[in-house]
Amino acid sequence: MGLFVALAGLAAVAGSAAQDHLKNINGDSYTATPAGWVLSHCVHDIPSDAQIERNGTIVTVALASGETRSIPACTPKVNGNAVLRRHNEAGEAPTSMRARRQLPADYNGWLQYAAFNHTPSFESMTNLMSTPDVPAATPQILYLFPGLQNIDWIPKVDPEPTQGTPFDIIQPVLQYPGITPDAWGVRSWYVTVNAGALRSTMLEAKEGDDIECNMTRTGKLSWFIGAKLPDGRSTNQKISIMDPGVIERMKVQPWAYVTLECYGCTGCRTYPKTPVSFSDIKLYGANQIPVVPTWLANPKPQPHQLCTEATHIKGPDEVDISFQ
C-alpha cells in the first residue's frame, strides 16, 4: 500500500517535547505530521544526511556512516486502521462522505498559507524562515514551513487523496515545542498521506534565527530537503524514487506554499506574538530558470480562525504570517 514502516534497529535521534503521539485507536498509535495524524509505525526518524531510495517495494536508508538498512512497506495493522486518521476512526458515526474523510477536530489544519502554482514543476525552492518568540501557552504542536507538493491538497479543506491520486510534500519545518518545551525545533520532512513519512534529526532553533530552507531536485525522481541554522548546523534528507511506473511521486512538484499549521491551538496564547517571515524566496523551473511567483493568500481558507492570524504578501520574494 505504501512505502514506510517501523525502521527496526536504526539509531535513535533526538526526540521532541511535543505531544505528537496522542491517538490510540483499536490498538494503533497515531503521530502528528505536517499532513495530519499518521499511523506511528509509518513515521520514521532518519538521521540527517541519510539517502533514502525506493526501488520497487524495497526502501533502503543509506546512513552517512556507510551503513544501509531496509524499510518494509507501510501497511495498516491487522485492525485495519487507515494510514491517515479520519473522524470515523475515532468512533464518530459518519453521516456523509465528507464526514468519512474529515480529519479530527484536534487537528486545526492549515490556518494561514500562501500558494503559487508553476506547471509542469518547480526544480528548486529556497528561502529564509525566521524563528519567532515562544508562545505563552503550549499547543499540542505548531508547525511553520515552506513546502513543495505534487498536487494542490489542503488538509481539512480538500477531500483526502487516494491511491489513485498519490500525494507528497517536501518541507523544512519549524515546530513548537521542539526538543525542549521552551524552544523551537527544526527538521526536514517527506510526507505522504497513504505511505507514511520520514523526518530528519531535530535541531533546536532560537528566537531570531533565520533558517536557510532548501528543496532542490537532484535527479529525475530525486530531491534534497534541508534546513540550515545560522551557526552552520543543518538537518537534511535525500529522497530518490526508482520506479516511477508504480507511484509517480517526486516526478513533479508544481505547488509551492508557505504555511502556518497547528494541532491543539486554542487561541492567541498558543501563538507567537511576532510574525514569521518567509523572505528571500527563490523559485526555479526547468533548466534552473527563475520563476517569479504571484502568491495567493488562503485561496481555500480554513473556516475557523483562532486569533487574528493573517497572511501578508509583501512581494514575490517575501510572505509574512502574523498571529496576533
C-alpha atoms as a PDB file:
ATOM      1  CA  MET A   1       0.000   0.000   0.000  1.00  0.00           C
ATOM      2  CA  GLY A   2       2.871   2.394   0.625  1.00  0.00           C
ATOM      3  CA  LEU A   3       6.486   2.981   1.477  1.00  0.00           C
ATOM      4  CA  PHE A   4       7.351   3.066   5.136  1.00  0.00           C
ATOM      5  CA  VAL A   5       7.026   1.005   8.290  1.00  0.00           C
ATOM      6  CA  ALA A   6       8.978   0.992  11.567  1.00  0.00           C
ATOM      7  CA  LEU A   7      12.714   1.142  10.960  1.00  0.00           C
ATOM      8  CA  ALA A   8      13.891  -1.518  13.383  1.00  0.00           C
ATOM      9  CA  GLY A   9      17.432  -1.119  14.633  1.00  0.00           C
ATOM     10  CA  LEU A  10      18.074   2.337  13.216  1.00  0.00           C
ATOM     11  CA  ALA A  11      19.966   4.570  15.627  1.00  0.00           C
ATOM     12  CA  ALA A  12      17.639   6.800  17.627  1.00  0.00           C
ATOM     13  CA  VAL A  13      17.702  10.542  17.076  1.00  0.00           C
ATOM     14  CA  ALA A  14      16.763  13.391  19.388  1.00  0.00           C
ATOM     15  CA  GLY A  15      13.102  13.278  20.379  1.00  0.00           C
ATOM     16  CA  SER A  16      10.555  16.027  20.733  1.00  0.00           C
ATOM     17  CA  ALA A  17       8.870  17.561  23.735  1.00  0.00           C
ATOM     18  CA  ALA A  18       5.771  18.000  21.585  1.00  0.00           C
ATOM     19  CA  GLN A  19       2.728  15.865  22.339  1.00  0.00           C
ATOM     20  CA  ASP A  20       2.843  14.262  18.897  1.00  0.00           C
ATOM     21  CA  HIS A  21       1.780  10.717  19.890  1.00  0.00           C
ATOM     22  CA  LEU A  22      -1.735  11.142  21.212  1.00  0.00           C
ATOM     23  CA  LYS A  23      -4.091   8.876  19.341  1.00  0.00           C
ATOM     24  CA  ASN A  24      -4.645   5.216  20.144  1.00  0.00           C
ATOM     25  CA  ILE A  25      -7.435   3.732  18.048  1.00  0.00           C
ATOM     26  CA  ASN A  26      -8.108  -0.009  18.227  1.00  0.00           C
ATOM     27  CA  GLY A  27      -4.536  -0.562  19.372  1.00  0.00           C
ATOM     28  CA  ASP A  28      -2.837   1.751  16.853  1.00  0.00           C
ATOM     29  CA  SER A  29      -0.947   4.906  17.814  1.00  0.00           C
ATOM     30  CA  TYR A  30      -1.033   7.983  15.576  1.00  0.00           C
ATOM     31  CA  THR A  31       1.680  10.645  15.199  1.00  0.00           C
ATOM     32  CA  ALA A  32       1.251  14.308  14.247  1.00  0.00           C
ATOM     33  CA  THR A  33       2.792  15.149  10.858  1.00  0.00           C
ATOM     34  CA  PRO A  34       2.526  18.237   8.638  1.00  0.00           C
ATOM     35  CA  ALA A  35      -0.294  16.421   6.796  1.00  0.00           C
ATOM     36  CA  GLY A  36      -2.432  15.143   9.665  1.00  0.00           C
ATOM     37  CA  TRP A  37      -2.408  12.200  12.132  1.00  0.00           C
ATOM     38  CA  VAL A  38      -0.480   9.286  10.527  1.00  0.00           C
ATOM     39  CA  LEU A  39      -0.007   5.760  11.915  1.00  0.00           C
ATOM     40  CA  SER A  40       3.044   5.944  14.191  1.00  0.00           C
ATOM     41  CA  HIS A  41       4.651   2.825  12.741  1.00  0.00           C
ATOM     42  CA  CYS A  42       4.673   4.629   9.369  1.00  0.00           C
ATOM     43  CA  VAL A  43       6.552   7.719  10.674  1.00  0.00           C
ATOM     44  CA  HIS A  44      10.330   7.391  10.997  1.00  0.00           C
ATOM     45  CA  ASP A  45      13.163   9.431  12.457  1.00  0.00           C
ATOM     46  CA  ILE A  46      16.016   9.369   9.949  1.00  0.00           C
ATOM     47  CA  PRO A  47      19.500  10.672  10.848  1.00  0.00           C
ATOM     48  CA  SER A  48      20.463  13.825   8.980  1.00  0.00           C
ATOM     49  CA  ASP A  49      22.110  13.391   5.575  1.00  0.00           C
ATOM     50  CA  ALA A  50      20.650   9.919   5.061  1.00  0.00           C
ATOM     51  CA  GLN A  51      19.953   8.866   1.469  1.00  0.00           C
ATOM     52  CA  ILE A  52      16.547   7.212   1.044  1.00  0.00           C
ATOM     53  CA  GLU A  53      15.905   5.161  -2.103  1.00  0.00           C
ATOM     54  CA  ARG A  54      12.830   3.248  -3.244  1.00  0.00           C
ATOM     55  CA  ASN A  55      13.195   0.501  -5.841  1.00  0.00           C
ATOM     56  CA  GLY A  56      10.032  -1.484  -6.393  1.00  0.00           C
ATOM     57  CA  THR A  57       8.640  -2.371  -2.968  1.00  0.00           C
ATOM     58  CA  ILE A  58      12.038  -2.080  -1.261  1.00  0.00           C
ATOM     59  CA  VAL A  59      13.082   1.106   0.536  1.00  0.00           C
ATOM     60  CA  THR A  60      16.649   1.487   1.761  1.00  0.00           C
ATOM     61  CA  VAL A  61      18.230   4.111   4.013  1.00  0.00           C
ATOM     62  CA  ALA A  62      21.931   4.741   3.479  1.00  0.00           C
ATOM     63  CA  LEU A  63      23.465   6.449   6.523  1.00  0.00           C
ATOM     64  CA  ALA A  64      26.374   8.882   6.402  1.00  0.00           C
ATOM     65  CA  SER A  65      28.481   6.141   8.070  1.00  0.00           C
ATOM     66  CA  GLY A  66      28.001   3.943   5.019  1.00  0.00           C
ATOM     67  CA  GLU A  67      25.620   1.551   6.784  1.00  0.00           C
ATOM     68  CA  THR A  68      22.467   0.594   4.857  1.00  0.00           C
ATOM     69  CA  ARG A  69      19.110  -0.507   6.299  1.00  0.00           C
ATOM     70  CA  SER A  70      15.893  -1.683   4.641  1.00  0.00           C
ATOM     71  CA  ILE A  71      12.336  -0.481   5.343  1.00  0.00           C
ATOM     72  CA  PRO A  72       9.367  -2.765   4.514  1.00  0.00           C
ATOM     73  CA  ALA A  73       6.203  -1.288   3.027  1.00  0.00           C
ATOM     74  CA  CYS A  74       3.850   0.725   5.238  1.00  0.00           C
ATOM     75  CA  THR A  75       0.523  -1.056   5.746  1.00  0.00           C
ATOM     76  CA  PRO A  76      -2.264  -0.728   8.296  1.00  0.00           C
ATOM     77  CA  LYS A  77      -2.033  -3.205  11.161  1.00  0.00           C
ATOM     78  CA  VAL A  78      -4.394  -6.159  11.444  1.00  0.00           C
ATOM     79  CA  ASN A  79      -7.106  -3.964  12.976  1.00  0.00           C
ATOM     80  CA  GLY A  80      -7.459  -2.210   9.626  1.00  0.00           C
ATOM     81  CA  ASN A  81      -6.930   1.440  10.588  1.00  0.00           C
ATOM     82  CA  ALA A  82      -6.173   3.814   7.718  1.00  0.00           C
ATOM     83  CA  VAL A  83      -2.700   5.372   7.453  1.00  0.00           C
ATOM     84  CA  LEU A  84      -4.271   8.837   7.830  1.00  0.00           C
ATOM     85  CA  ARG A  85      -6.649   9.140  10.777  1.00  0.00           C
ATOM     86  CA  ARG A  86     -10.181  10.329   9.998  1.00  0.00           C
ATOM     87  CA  HIS A  87     -13.152  11.219  12.203  1.00  0.00           C
ATOM     88  CA  ASN A  88     -14.997   7.928  11.822  1.00  0.00           C
ATOM     89  CA  GLU A  89     -11.934   6.054  13.104  1.00  0.00           C
ATOM     90  CA  ALA A  90     -12.408   7.766  16.473  1.00  0.00           C
ATOM     91  CA  GLY A  91     -15.876   6.305  16.923  1.00  0.00           C
ATOM     92  CA  GLU A  92     -17.994   9.051  15.390  1.00  0.00           C
ATOM     93  CA  ALA A  93     -20.752   7.731  13.165  1.00  0.00           C
ATOM     94  CA  PRO A  94     -20.205   9.111   9.654  1.00  0.00           C
ATOM     95  CA  THR A  95     -23.201  10.972   8.261  1.00  0.00           C
ATOM     96  CA  SER A  96     -21.826  11.747   4.807  1.00  0.00           C
ATOM     97  CA  MET A  97     -18.874  11.174   2.515  1.00  0.00           C
ATOM     98  CA  ARG A  98     -17.413  14.419   3.853  1.00  0.00           C
ATOM     99  CA  ALA A  99     -17.601  13.123   7.422  1.00  0.00           C
ATOM    100  CA  ARG A 100     -15.856   9.920   6.426  1.00  0.00           C
ATOM    101  CA  ARG A 101     -12.886  11.816   5.046  1.00  0.00           C
ATOM    102  CA  GLN A 102     -12.826  14.661   7.574  1.00  0.00           C
ATOM    103  CA  LEU A 103      -9.727  14.956   9.749  1.00  0.00           C
ATOM    104  CA  PRO A 104     -10.104  15.085  13.561  1.00  0.00           C
ATOM    105  CA  ALA A 105     -11.135  18.267  15.340  1.00  0.00           C
ATOM    106  CA  ASP A 106      -7.923  18.419  17.396  1.00  0.00           C
ATOM    107  CA  TYR A 107      -6.042  18.871  14.123  1.00  0.00           C
ATOM    108  CA  ASN A 108      -6.604  22.546  13.283  1.00  0.00           C
ATOM    109  CA  GLY A 109      -5.127  22.242   9.778  1.00  0.00           C
ATOM    110  CA  TRP A 110      -3.510  24.978   7.684  1.00  0.00           C
ATOM    111  CA  LEU A 111      -4.712  28.107   9.458  1.00  0.00           C
ATOM    112  CA  GLN A 112      -2.870  30.520   7.156  1.00  0.00           C
ATOM    113  CA  TYR A 113      -0.906  29.985   3.954  1.00  0.00           C
ATOM    114  CA  ALA A 114       0.144  31.421   0.613  1.00  0.00           C
ATOM    115  CA  ALA A 115       0.162  29.336  -2.562  1.00  0.00           C
ATOM    116  CA  PHE A 116       1.616  29.511  -6.059  1.00  0.00           C
ATOM    117  CA  ASN A 117       1.454  27.038  -8.961  1.00  0.00           C
ATOM    118  CA  HIS A 118       4.028  26.569 -11.701  1.00  0.00           C
ATOM    119  CA  THR A 119       3.371  23.873 -14.293  1.00  0.00           C
ATOM    120  CA  PRO A 120       4.908  21.464 -15.068  1.00  0.00           C
ATOM    121  CA  SER A 121       7.117  21.652 -11.969  1.00  0.00           C
ATOM    122  CA  PHE A 122       9.474  23.577  -9.782  1.00  0.00           C
ATOM    123  CA  GLU A 123      13.050  22.371  -9.727  1.00  0.00           C
ATOM    124  CA  SER A 124      14.059  24.297  -6.618  1.00  0.00           C
ATOM    125  CA  MET A 125      12.729  26.479  -3.808  1.00  0.00           C
ATOM    126  CA  THR A 126      14.963  28.263  -1.309  1.00  0.00           C
ATOM    127  CA  ASN A 127      14.180  30.900   1.315  1.00  0.00           C
ATOM    128  CA  LEU A 128      14.903  32.187   4.796  1.00  0.00           C
ATOM    129  CA  MET A 129      12.384  31.386   7.540  1.00  0.00           C
ATOM    130  CA  SER A 130      12.530  33.468  10.718  1.00  0.00           C
ATOM    131  CA  THR A 131      12.095  31.971  14.178  1.00  0.00           C
ATOM    132  CA  PRO A 132       9.513  33.903  16.240  1.00  0.00           C
ATOM    133  CA  ASP A 133       9.135  34.089  20.018  1.00  0.00           C
ATOM    134  CA  VAL A 134       7.934  31.097  22.033  1.00  0.00           C
ATOM    135  CA  PRO A 135       4.142  31.122  22.604  1.00  0.00           C
ATOM    136  CA  ALA A 136       2.877  31.864  26.121  1.00  0.00           C
ATOM    137  CA  ALA A 137       0.828  28.638  26.141  1.00  0.00           C
ATOM    138  CA  THR A 138       1.739  25.287  24.628  1.00  0.00           C
ATOM    139  CA  PRO A 139      -0.315  23.734  21.811  1.00  0.00           C
ATOM    140  CA  GLN A 140      -0.028  20.058  21.001  1.00  0.00           C
ATOM    141  CA  ILE A 141       2.280  21.042  18.153  1.00  0.00           C
ATOM    142  CA  LEU A 142       2.649  24.143  15.958  1.00  0.00           C
ATOM    143  CA  TYR A 143       4.257  23.926  12.514  1.00  0.00           C
ATOM    144  CA  LEU A 144       5.651  26.660  10.220  1.00  0.00           C
ATOM    145  CA  PHE A 145       7.142  25.750   6.845  1.00  0.00           C
ATOM    146  CA  PRO A 146       7.740  26.367   3.159  1.00  0.00           C
ATOM    147  CA  GLY A 147       6.870  23.337   1.058  1.00  0.00           C
ATOM    148  CA  LEU A 148       6.544  21.864  -2.421  1.00  0.00           C
ATOM    149  CA  GLN A 149       3.683  19.471  -3.231  1.00  0.00           C
ATOM    150  CA  ASN A 150       2.837  17.288  -6.220  1.00  0.00           C
ATOM    151  CA  ILE A 151      -0.888  18.162  -6.038  1.00  0.00           C
ATOM    152  CA  ASP A 152      -2.899  21.046  -4.605  1.00  0.00           C
ATOM    153  CA  TRP A 153      -4.192  19.359  -1.444  1.00  0.00           C
ATOM    154  CA  ILE A 154      -5.072  21.472   1.606  1.00  0.00           C
ATOM    155  CA  PRO A 155      -5.793  19.354   4.725  1.00  0.00           C
ATOM    156  CA  LYS A 156      -9.280  19.659   6.254  1.00  0.00           C
ATOM    157  CA  VAL A 157     -10.474  21.617   3.204  1.00  0.00           C
ATOM    158  CA  ASP A 158      -9.997  19.196   0.295  1.00  0.00           C
ATOM    159  CA  PRO A 159     -11.065  15.530   0.056  1.00  0.00           C
ATOM    160  CA  GLU A 160      -8.383  13.134   1.199  1.00  0.00           C
ATOM    161  CA  PRO A 161      -6.000  11.958  -1.560  1.00  0.00           C
ATOM    162  CA  THR A 162      -6.311   8.324  -2.627  1.00  0.00           C
ATOM    163  CA  GLN A 163      -4.001   5.677  -4.058  1.00  0.00           C
ATOM    164  CA  GLY A 164      -5.140   6.891  -7.475  1.00  0.00           C
ATOM    165  CA  THR A 165      -4.156  10.469  -6.646  1.00  0.00           C
ATOM    166  CA  PRO A 166      -0.957   9.978  -4.618  1.00  0.00           C
ATOM    167  CA  PHE A 167       0.181  12.965  -2.568  1.00  0.00           C
ATOM    168  CA  ASP A 168       3.526  14.090  -1.217  1.00  0.00           C
ATOM    169  CA  ILE A 169       5.036  17.203   0.313  1.00  0.00           C
ATOM    170  CA  ILE A 170       8.710  18.017   0.882  1.00  0.00           C
ATOM    171  CA  GLN A 171       9.401  20.646   3.525  1.00  0.00           C
ATOM    172  CA  PRO A 172      11.870  22.059   6.038  1.00  0.00           C
ATOM    173  CA  VAL A 173       9.692  22.538   9.135  1.00  0.00           C
ATOM    174  CA  LEU A 174       9.948  24.737  12.236  1.00  0.00           C
ATOM    175  CA  GLN A 175       7.934  23.356  15.130  1.00  0.00           C
ATOM    176  CA  TYR A 176       6.946  24.229  18.698  1.00  0.00           C
ATOM    177  CA  PRO A 177       7.510  22.585  21.119  1.00  0.00           C
ATOM    178  CA  GLY A 178      10.839  21.319  19.873  1.00  0.00           C
ATOM    179  CA  ILE A 179      13.338  19.112  21.678  1.00  0.00           C
ATOM    180  CA  THR A 180      12.558  21.003  24.900  1.00  0.00           C
ATOM    181  CA  PRO A 181       9.278  22.691  25.893  1.00  0.00           C
ATOM    182  CA  ASP A 182      10.805  26.186  25.899  1.00  0.00           C
ATOM    183  CA  ALA A 183      12.364  26.206  22.433  1.00  0.00           C
ATOM    184  CA  TRP A 184      11.605  25.701  18.751  1.00  0.00           C
ATOM    185  CA  GLY A 185      12.852  22.708  16.763  1.00  0.00           C
ATOM    186  CA  VAL A 186      13.602  22.335  13.068  1.00  0.00           C
ATOM    187  CA  ARG A 187      13.952  19.345  10.770  1.00  0.00           C
ATOM    188  CA  SER A 188      13.198  18.245   7.206  1.00  0.00           C
ATOM    189  CA  TRP A 189      10.191  16.130   6.249  1.00  0.00           C
ATOM    190  CA  TYR A 190       8.992  13.973   3.374  1.00  0.00           C
ATOM    191  CA  VAL A 191       5.286  13.223   3.972  1.00  0.00           C
ATOM    192  CA  THR A 192       2.647  11.227   2.115  1.00  0.00           C
ATOM    193  CA  VAL A 193      -0.966  10.582   3.117  1.00  0.00           C
ATOM    194  CA  ASN A 194      -1.158   6.844   2.378  1.00  0.00           C
ATOM    195  CA  ALA A 195       2.502   5.802   2.533  1.00  0.00           C
ATOM    196  CA  GLY A 196       3.887   7.301   5.732  1.00  0.00           C
ATOM    197  CA  ALA A 197       6.511   9.947   6.450  1.00  0.00           C
ATOM    198  CA  LEU A 198      10.237  10.460   7.040  1.00  0.00           C
ATOM    199  CA  ARG A 199      11.687  13.202   9.244  1.00  0.00           C
ATOM    200  CA  SER A 200      15.338  14.107   9.764  1.00  0.00           C
ATOM    201  CA  THR A 201      17.171  14.792  13.026  1.00  0.00           C
ATOM    202  CA  MET A 202      15.601  17.641  15.021  1.00  0.00           C
ATOM    203  CA  LEU A 203      17.795  20.628  15.910  1.00  0.00           C
ATOM    204  CA  GLU A 204      16.996  23.383  18.397  1.00  0.00           C
ATOM    205  CA  ALA A 205      16.241  26.813  16.908  1.00  0.00           C
ATOM    206  CA  LYS A 206      16.239  30.052  18.909  1.00  0.00           C
ATOM    207  CA  GLU A 207      14.141  33.181  18.602  1.00  0.00           C
ATOM    208  CA  GLY A 208      15.663  35.386  15.910  1.00  0.00           C
ATOM    209  CA  ASP A 209      17.310  32.529  13.979  1.00  0.00           C
ATOM    210  CA  ASP A 210      16.933  32.848  10.214  1.00  0.00           C
ATOM    211  CA  ILE A 211      16.760  29.289   8.899  1.00  0.00           C
ATOM    212  CA  GLU A 212      18.014  28.587   5.369  1.00  0.00           C
ATOM    213  CA  CYS A 213      15.431  26.340   3.700  1.00  0.00           C
ATOM    214  CA  ASN A 214      16.282  24.355   0.581  1.00  0.00           C
ATOM    215  CA  MET A 215      14.266  21.971  -1.603  1.00  0.00           C
ATOM    216  CA  THR A 216      16.205  21.159  -4.777  1.00  0.00           C
ATOM    217  CA  ARG A 217      15.810  18.445  -7.395  1.00  0.00           C
ATOM    218  CA  THR A 218      18.939  16.300  -7.702  1.00  0.00           C
ATOM    219  CA  GLY A 219      17.637  13.855 -10.337  1.00  0.00           C
ATOM    220  CA  LYS A 220      14.512  12.947 -12.322  1.00  0.00           C
ATOM    221  CA  LEU A 221      12.878  11.494  -9.199  1.00  0.00           C
ATOM    222  CA  SER A 222      15.274  12.701  -6.502  1.00  0.00           C
ATOM    223  CA  TRP A 223      15.196  15.676  -4.127  1.00  0.00           C
ATOM    224  CA  PHE A 224      17.333  17.271  -1.417  1.00  0.00           C
ATOM    225  CA  ILE A 225      15.360  18.677   1.550  1.00  0.00           C
ATOM    226  CA  GLY A 226      17.367  20.743   4.019  1.00  0.00           C
ATOM    227  CA  ALA A 227      17.302  23.305   6.825  1.00  0.00           C
ATOM    228  CA  LYS A 228      20.439  25.166   7.963  1.00  0.00           C
ATOM    229  CA  LEU A 229      20.784  27.262  11.135  1.00  0.00           C
ATOM    230  CA  PRO A 230      22.888  30.441  11.434  1.00  0.00           C
ATOM    231  CA  ASP A 231      25.574  28.555  13.399  1.00  0.00           C
ATOM    232  CA  GLY A 232      26.108  26.200  10.437  1.00  0.00           C
ATOM    233  CA  ARG A 233      24.266  23.149  11.799  1.00  0.00           C
ATOM    234  CA  SER A 234      21.929  21.523   9.277  1.00  0.00           C
ATOM    235  CA  THR A 235      19.342  18.758   9.145  1.00  0.00           C
ATOM    236  CA  ASN A 236      18.740  17.206   5.737  1.00  0.00           C
ATOM    237  CA  GLN A 237      17.462  14.199   3.856  1.00  0.00           C
ATOM    238  CA  LYS A 238      17.761  12.997   0.284  1.00  0.00           C
ATOM    239  CA  ILE A 239      14.868  11.133  -1.363  1.00  0.00           C
ATOM    240  CA  SER A 240      15.001   9.046  -4.562  1.00  0.00           C
ATOM    241  CA  ILE A 241      12.119   7.101  -6.151  1.00  0.00           C
ATOM    242  CA  MET A 242      13.488   4.488  -8.538  1.00  0.00           C
ATOM    243  CA  ASP A 243      10.295   3.131 -10.164  1.00  0.00           C
ATOM    244  CA  PRO A 244       8.011   5.898 -11.454  1.00  0.00           C
ATOM    245  CA  GLY A 245       5.645   3.383 -13.013  1.00  0.00           C
ATOM    246  CA  VAL A 246       4.372   2.357  -9.580  1.00  0.00           C
ATOM    247  CA  ILE A 247       3.858   5.654  -7.758  1.00  0.00           C
ATOM    248  CA  GLU A 248       4.628   8.858  -9.627  1.00  0.00           C
ATOM    249  CA  ARG A 249       5.652  10.834  -6.561  1.00  0.00           C
ATOM    250  CA  MET A 250       8.621  13.208  -6.851  1.00  0.00           C
ATOM    251  CA  LYS A 251       8.281  13.466 -10.643  1.00  0.00           C
ATOM    252  CA  VAL A 252       6.614  16.873 -10.479  1.00  0.00           C
ATOM    253  CA  GLN A 253       6.273  19.306  -7.562  1.00  0.00           C
ATOM    254  CA  PRO A 254       4.345  22.231  -9.127  1.00  0.00           C
ATOM    255  CA  TRP A 255       2.731  23.675  -5.968  1.00  0.00           C
ATOM    256  CA  ALA A 256       4.662  25.987  -3.615  1.00  0.00           C
ATOM    257  CA  TYR A 257       3.402  27.086  -0.198  1.00  0.00           C
ATOM    258  CA  VAL A 258       4.379  28.900   2.970  1.00  0.00           C
ATOM    259  CA  THR A 259       2.218  27.761   5.846  1.00  0.00           C
ATOM    260  CA  LEU A 260       1.017  28.031   9.447  1.00  0.00           C
ATOM    261  CA  GLU A 261      -0.375  24.705  10.678  1.00  0.00           C
ATOM    262  CA  CYS A 262      -1.389  23.603  14.160  1.00  0.00           C
ATOM    263  CA  TYR A 263      -2.646  20.764  16.338  1.00  0.00           C
ATOM    264  CA  GLY A 264      -4.457  21.750  19.502  1.00  0.00           C
ATOM    265  CA  CYS A 265      -4.093  25.519  19.200  1.00  0.00           C
ATOM    266  CA  THR A 266      -6.718  27.153  21.436  1.00  0.00           C
ATOM    267  CA  GLY A 267      -6.307  30.883  20.811  1.00  0.00           C
ATOM    268  CA  CYS A 268      -3.834  33.747  20.806  1.00  0.00           C
ATOM    269  CA  ARG A 269      -1.769  32.398  23.715  1.00  0.00           C
ATOM    270  CA  THR A 270      -0.810  29.305  21.734  1.00  0.00           C
ATOM    271  CA  TYR A 271       0.680  31.541  19.020  1.00  0.00           C
ATOM    272  CA  PRO A 272       3.848  33.681  18.942  1.00  0.00           C
ATOM    273  CA  LYS A 273       3.461  37.430  19.295  1.00  0.00           C
ATOM    274  CA  THR A 274       5.855  38.281  16.471  1.00  0.00           C
ATOM    275  CA  PRO A 275       5.193  37.250  12.847  1.00  0.00           C
ATOM    276  CA  VAL A 276       7.147  34.608  10.962  1.00  0.00           C
ATOM    277  CA  SER A 277       8.836  35.909   7.820  1.00  0.00           C
ATOM    278  CA  PHE A 278       9.479  33.802   4.715  1.00  0.00           C
ATOM    279  CA  SER A 279      11.976  36.021   2.927  1.00  0.00           C
ATOM    280  CA  ASP A 280      14.481  35.856   0.061  1.00  0.00           C
ATOM    281  CA  ILE A 281      12.177  33.329  -1.640  1.00  0.00           C
ATOM    282  CA  LYS A 282      13.696  31.959  -4.842  1.00  0.00           C
ATOM    283  CA  LEU A 283      11.834  29.577  -7.135  1.00  0.00           C
ATOM    284  CA  TYR A 284      13.271  27.892 -10.215  1.00  0.00           C
ATOM    285  CA  GLY A 285      11.687  25.942 -13.061  1.00  0.00           C
ATOM    286  CA  ALA A 286      13.176  23.818 -15.832  1.00  0.00           C
ATOM    287  CA  ASN A 287      16.850  24.452 -16.589  1.00  0.00           C
ATOM    288  CA  GLN A 288      17.034  26.461 -13.359  1.00  0.00           C
ATOM    289  CA  ILE A 289      15.230  29.394 -14.949  1.00  0.00           C
ATOM    290  CA  PRO A 290      13.975  31.751 -12.202  1.00  0.00           C
ATOM    291  CA  VAL A 291      10.205  31.821 -11.663  1.00  0.00           C
ATOM    292  CA  VAL A 292       8.620  34.990 -10.256  1.00  0.00           C
ATOM    293  CA  PRO A 293       5.643  33.945  -8.119  1.00  0.00           C
ATOM    294  CA  THR A 294       2.293  35.664  -7.792  1.00  0.00           C
ATOM    295  CA  TRP A 295       1.315  34.424  -4.343  1.00  0.00           C
ATOM    296  CA  LEU A 296      -2.322  33.910  -3.376  1.00  0.00           C
ATOM    297  CA  ALA A 297      -3.296  34.237   0.286  1.00  0.00           C
ATOM    298  CA  ASN A 298      -5.506  31.396   1.553  1.00  0.00           C
ATOM    299  CA  PRO A 299      -7.201  30.527  -1.760  1.00  0.00           C
ATOM    300  CA  LYS A 300      -9.028  27.700   0.079  1.00  0.00           C
ATOM    301  CA  PRO A 301      -9.245  29.062   3.628  1.00  0.00           C
ATOM    302  CA  GLN A 302      -9.987  27.159   6.795  1.00  0.00           C
ATOM    303  CA  PRO A 303     -13.447  28.211   8.061  1.00  0.00           C
ATOM    304  CA  HIS A 304     -12.381  28.751  11.687  1.00  0.00           C
ATOM    305  CA  GLN A 305      -9.586  31.056  12.853  1.00  0.00           C
ATOM    306  CA  LEU A 306      -8.200  31.023  16.388  1.00  0.00           C
ATOM    307  CA  CYS A 307      -6.895  34.579  16.798  1.00  0.00           C
ATOM    308  CA  THR A 308      -6.295  37.368  14.260  1.00  0.00           C
ATOM    309  CA  GLU A 309      -3.817  35.352  12.182  1.00  0.00           C
ATOM    310  CA  ALA A 310      -3.223  36.764   8.699  1.00  0.00           C
ATOM    311  CA  THR A 311      -1.058  36.298   5.604  1.00  0.00           C
ATOM    312  CA  HIS A 312       0.824  39.345   4.291  1.00  0.00           C
ATOM    313  CA  ILE A 313       2.194  39.133   0.739  1.00  0.00           C
ATOM    314  CA  LYS A 314       4.946  41.739   0.629  1.00  0.00           C
ATOM    315  CA  GLY A 315       6.182  40.805  -2.832  1.00  0.00           C
ATOM    316  CA  PRO A 316       7.274  37.801  -4.893  1.00  0.00           C
ATOM    317  CA  ASP A 317      10.191  37.119  -2.560  1.00  0.00           C
ATOM    318  CA  GLU A 318       8.591  37.690   0.868  1.00  0.00           C
ATOM    319  CA  VAL A 319       5.458  36.498   2.648  1.00  0.00           C
ATOM    320  CA  ASP A 320       4.835  37.075   6.375  1.00  0.00           C
ATOM    321  CA  ILE A 321       2.315  35.329   8.577  1.00  0.00           C
ATOM    322  CA  SER A 322       1.163  37.172  11.702  1.00  0.00           C
ATOM    323  CA  PHE A 323      -0.648  35.601  14.629  1.00  0.00           C
ATOM    324  CA  GLN A 324      -1.961  38.334  16.944  1.00  0.00           C
END
